[in-house]
Amino acid sequence: MDRLNQALSRVADALFYVALLAGGLMMLHITVDVIARTVFHHPLPGTGEITASYYMIAAAFLPLARVTLWDEHVSADIFVSAMSPRSRRISEVFVDLLSIAYVSAFVWQTWLSALSKTRRAEVWEIFGGYLPIWPTRWLLPVAGVAMVLVLILKLVQRFTPKTNPMAGEAD
């Protein structure tokens, strides 16, 4: 179990660092575009399209596995905090199962979309040419698969006494 946890942690971290790189490149690209537009009166072609289709997709979706692994999703615990430990565990398992189902459906649909867009070699027309978009369609299923694997690991850990975060609490 520890090996699997370490492997998933490395994958989640790698995707997170790719997202950080995308965010840094996005800032640099936009800064250069603003300077080129303001100083030289020639904006960089395709900055908006590249930002929307490459950088923002990577920055928004690739960190999902790491956020899930570290339990850093936004949550409202007002009702859960009032529950008994047993009810809280049941609720957590239910949420894990629901999340696995939802994210699996997300992965399936984004996989089909990515496959379709790849077969068609999807491009966007930009000033001066075409921008291939189909490669970025694969970021969504990759991020989703990593998140599903983390969710499954966390669910299994709930039932494994050694790694159960709720171990030691009385019902």
Protein backbone atom coordinates (compact mmCIF):
# COMPACT_ATOMS: atom_id res chain seq x y z
CA MET A 1 0.00 0.00 0.00
CA ASP A 2 2.86 2.38 0.81
CA ARG A 3 4.46 1.77 -2.60
CA LEU A 4 1.21 2.57 -4.36
CA ASN A 5 0.79 5.69 -2.24
CA GLN A 6 4.34 6.80 -3.10
CA ALA A 7 3.85 6.11 -6.81
CA LEU A 8 0.57 8.05 -6.91
CA SER A 9 2.17 10.83 -4.91
CA ARG A 10 4.97 11.09 -7.49
CA VAL A 11 2.47 11.17 -10.36
CA ALA A 12 0.36 13.80 -8.57
CA ASP A 13 3.46 15.89 -7.85
CA ALA A 14 4.66 15.61 -11.47
CA LEU A 15 1.29 16.76 -12.80
CA PHE A 16 1.30 19.59 -10.25
CA TYR A 17 4.74 20.77 -11.38
CA VAL A 18 3.65 20.67 -15.03
CA ALA A 19 0.70 22.86 -14.00
CA LEU A 20 3.07 25.26 -12.23
CA LEU A 21 5.25 25.40 -15.34
CA ALA A 22 2.16 26.11 -17.46
CA GLY A 23 1.19 28.93 -15.09
CA GLY A 24 4.69 30.42 -15.27
CA LEU A 25 4.78 30.16 -19.05
CA MET A 26 1.35 31.75 -19.24
CA MET A 27 2.53 34.75 -17.21
CA LEU A 28 5.68 35.08 -19.31
CA HIS A 29 3.80 34.74 -22.60
CA ILE A 30 1.20 37.35 -21.64
CA THR A 31 3.88 39.73 -20.36
CA VAL A 32 5.82 39.45 -23.62
CA ASP A 33 2.60 39.95 -25.57
CA VAL A 34 1.73 43.11 -23.61
CA ILE A 35 5.25 44.50 -24.13
CA ALA A 36 5.19 43.62 -27.84
CA ARG A 37 1.76 45.22 -28.26
CA THR A 38 2.54 48.34 -26.23
CA VAL A 39 6.12 49.06 -27.24
CA PHE A 40 6.35 47.62 -30.76
CA HIS A 41 2.65 47.79 -31.73
CA HIS A 42 2.78 44.12 -32.78
CA PRO A 43 1.04 41.68 -30.42
CA LEU A 44 2.07 38.04 -30.46
CA PRO A 45 -0.36 36.11 -32.65
CA GLY A 46 -2.47 33.52 -30.85
CA THR A 47 -1.70 34.60 -27.28
CA GLY A 48 -5.34 34.43 -26.19
CA GLU A 49 -5.92 31.08 -27.88
CA ILE A 50 -2.72 29.52 -26.51
CA THR A 51 -3.52 30.83 -23.04
CA ALA A 52 -7.09 29.48 -23.13
CA SER A 53 -6.37 26.13 -24.73
CA TYR A 54 -2.97 25.17 -23.32
CA TYR A 55 -1.90 27.06 -20.21
CA MET A 56 -5.24 27.44 -18.46
CA ILE A 57 -6.33 23.84 -19.04
CA ALA A 58 -3.05 22.54 -17.62
CA ALA A 59 -3.11 24.94 -14.66
CA ALA A 60 -6.72 24.15 -13.78
CA PHE A 61 -6.88 20.37 -14.20
CA LEU A 62 -3.43 18.85 -13.73
CA PRO A 63 -3.22 19.64 -9.98
CA LEU A 64 -6.47 17.77 -9.18
CA ALA A 65 -4.75 14.54 -8.09
CA ARG A 66 -2.43 16.37 -5.71
CA VAL A 67 -5.24 18.46 -4.27
CA THR A 68 -7.21 15.25 -3.71
CA LEU A 69 -4.24 13.43 -2.21
CA TRP A 70 -3.65 16.22 0.30
CA ASP A 71 -7.39 16.77 1.02
CA GLU A 72 -7.19 20.41 -0.06
CA HIS A 73 -10.47 20.65 -1.95
CA VAL A 74 -12.82 23.39 -0.83
CA SER A 75 -15.25 21.96 1.70
CA ALA A 76 -18.07 23.13 3.91
CA ASP A 77 -17.97 21.08 7.10
CA ILE A 78 -20.81 22.75 9.00
CA PHE A 79 -23.04 19.65 8.95
CA VAL A 80 -20.29 17.03 8.97
CA SER A 81 -18.67 18.51 12.08
CA ALA A 82 -21.90 17.93 13.99
CA MET A 83 -22.02 14.23 13.04
CA SER A 84 -20.84 11.36 15.18
CA PRO A 85 -17.52 9.77 14.12
CA ARG A 86 -19.40 6.75 12.69
CA SER A 87 -21.76 8.95 10.66
CA ARG A 88 -18.80 11.02 9.50
CA ARG A 89 -17.03 7.87 8.24
CA ILE A 90 -20.16 6.73 6.42
CA SER A 91 -20.50 10.17 4.85
CA GLU A 92 -16.84 10.17 3.79
CA VAL A 93 -17.16 6.74 2.16
CA PHE A 94 -20.34 7.86 0.37
CA VAL A 95 -18.61 11.03 -0.88
CA ASP A 96 -15.60 8.98 -2.01
CA LEU A 97 -17.82 6.57 -3.96
CA LEU A 98 -19.82 9.42 -5.49
CA SER A 99 -16.59 11.24 -6.44
CA ILE A 100 -15.13 8.10 -8.02
CA ALA A 101 -18.32 7.62 -10.07
CA TYR A 102 -18.45 11.27 -11.17
CA VAL A 103 -14.77 11.60 -12.04
CA SER A 104 -14.85 8.24 -13.85
CA ALA A 105 -17.72 9.52 -16.01
CA PHE A 106 -15.69 12.70 -16.58
CA VAL A 107 -12.67 10.62 -17.65
CA TRP A 108 -14.78 8.48 -19.98
CA GLN A 109 -16.37 11.49 -21.70
CA THR A 110 -13.14 13.48 -21.99
CA TRP A 111 -11.37 10.37 -23.31
CA LEU A 112 -13.99 9.99 -26.05
CA SER A 113 -13.77 13.70 -26.86
CA ALA A 114 -9.96 13.63 -26.97
CA LEU A 115 -10.02 10.58 -29.22
CA SER A 116 -12.48 12.25 -31.58
CA LYS A 117 -10.56 15.54 -31.66
CA THR A 118 -7.27 13.70 -32.24
CA ARG A 119 -8.70 11.76 -35.16
CA ARG A 120 -9.89 15.02 -36.70
CA ALA A 121 -6.60 16.78 -35.84
CA GLU A 122 -8.55 19.66 -34.27
CA VAL A 123 -7.08 23.13 -34.86
CA TRP A 124 -8.11 26.69 -34.17
CA GLU A 125 -7.57 29.34 -36.78
CA ILE A 126 -5.38 32.14 -35.49
CA PHE A 127 -3.81 35.17 -37.10
CA GLY A 128 -1.20 33.81 -39.46
CA GLY A 129 -2.12 30.14 -39.37
CA TYR A 130 -3.59 27.33 -37.35
CA LEU A 131 -3.03 26.24 -33.75
CA PRO A 132 -3.29 22.49 -33.06
CA ILE A 133 -5.68 22.05 -30.13
CA TRP A 134 -6.13 18.28 -30.10
CA PRO A 135 -3.07 17.59 -27.85
CA THR A 136 -4.55 19.60 -24.99
CA ARG A 137 -7.73 17.51 -25.08
CA TRP A 138 -5.69 14.69 -23.51
CA LEU A 139 -4.87 16.72 -20.40
CA LEU A 140 -8.39 16.24 -19.04
CA PRO A 141 -8.52 12.44 -19.09
CA VAL A 142 -4.93 12.22 -17.80
CA ALA A 143 -5.75 14.51 -14.87
CA GLY A 144 -9.01 12.65 -14.27
CA VAL A 145 -7.39 9.20 -14.24
CA ALA A 146 -4.82 10.40 -11.72
CA MET A 147 -7.60 11.81 -9.54
CA VAL A 148 -9.67 8.59 -9.73
CA LEU A 149 -6.64 6.53 -8.73
CA VAL A 150 -6.03 8.80 -5.73
CA LEU A 151 -9.71 8.60 -4.76
CA ILE A 152 -9.64 4.79 -4.95
CA LEU A 153 -6.46 4.70 -2.86
CA LYS A 154 -8.03 6.96 -0.23
CA LEU A 155 -11.15 4.79 -0.15
CA VAL A 156 -9.08 1.63 0.33
CA GLN A 157 -7.09 3.36 3.07
CA ARG A 158 -10.32 4.11 4.93
CA PHE A 159 -10.82 0.36 5.31
CA THR A 160 -7.19 -0.47 6.07
CA PRO A 161 -6.60 -0.19 9.83
CA LYS A 162 -2.92 0.70 9.47
CA THR A 163 -3.53 3.76 7.30
CA ASN A 164 -7.07 4.63 8.33
CA PRO A 165 -7.09 8.35 9.20
CA MET A 166 -10.04 7.74 11.51
CA ALA A 167 -8.30 4.93 13.44
CA GLY A 168 -8.27 5.60 17.13
CA GLU A 169 -11.55 7.51 17.17
CA ALA A 170 -14.35 6.01 19.17
CA ASP A 171 -17.73 5.42 17.57
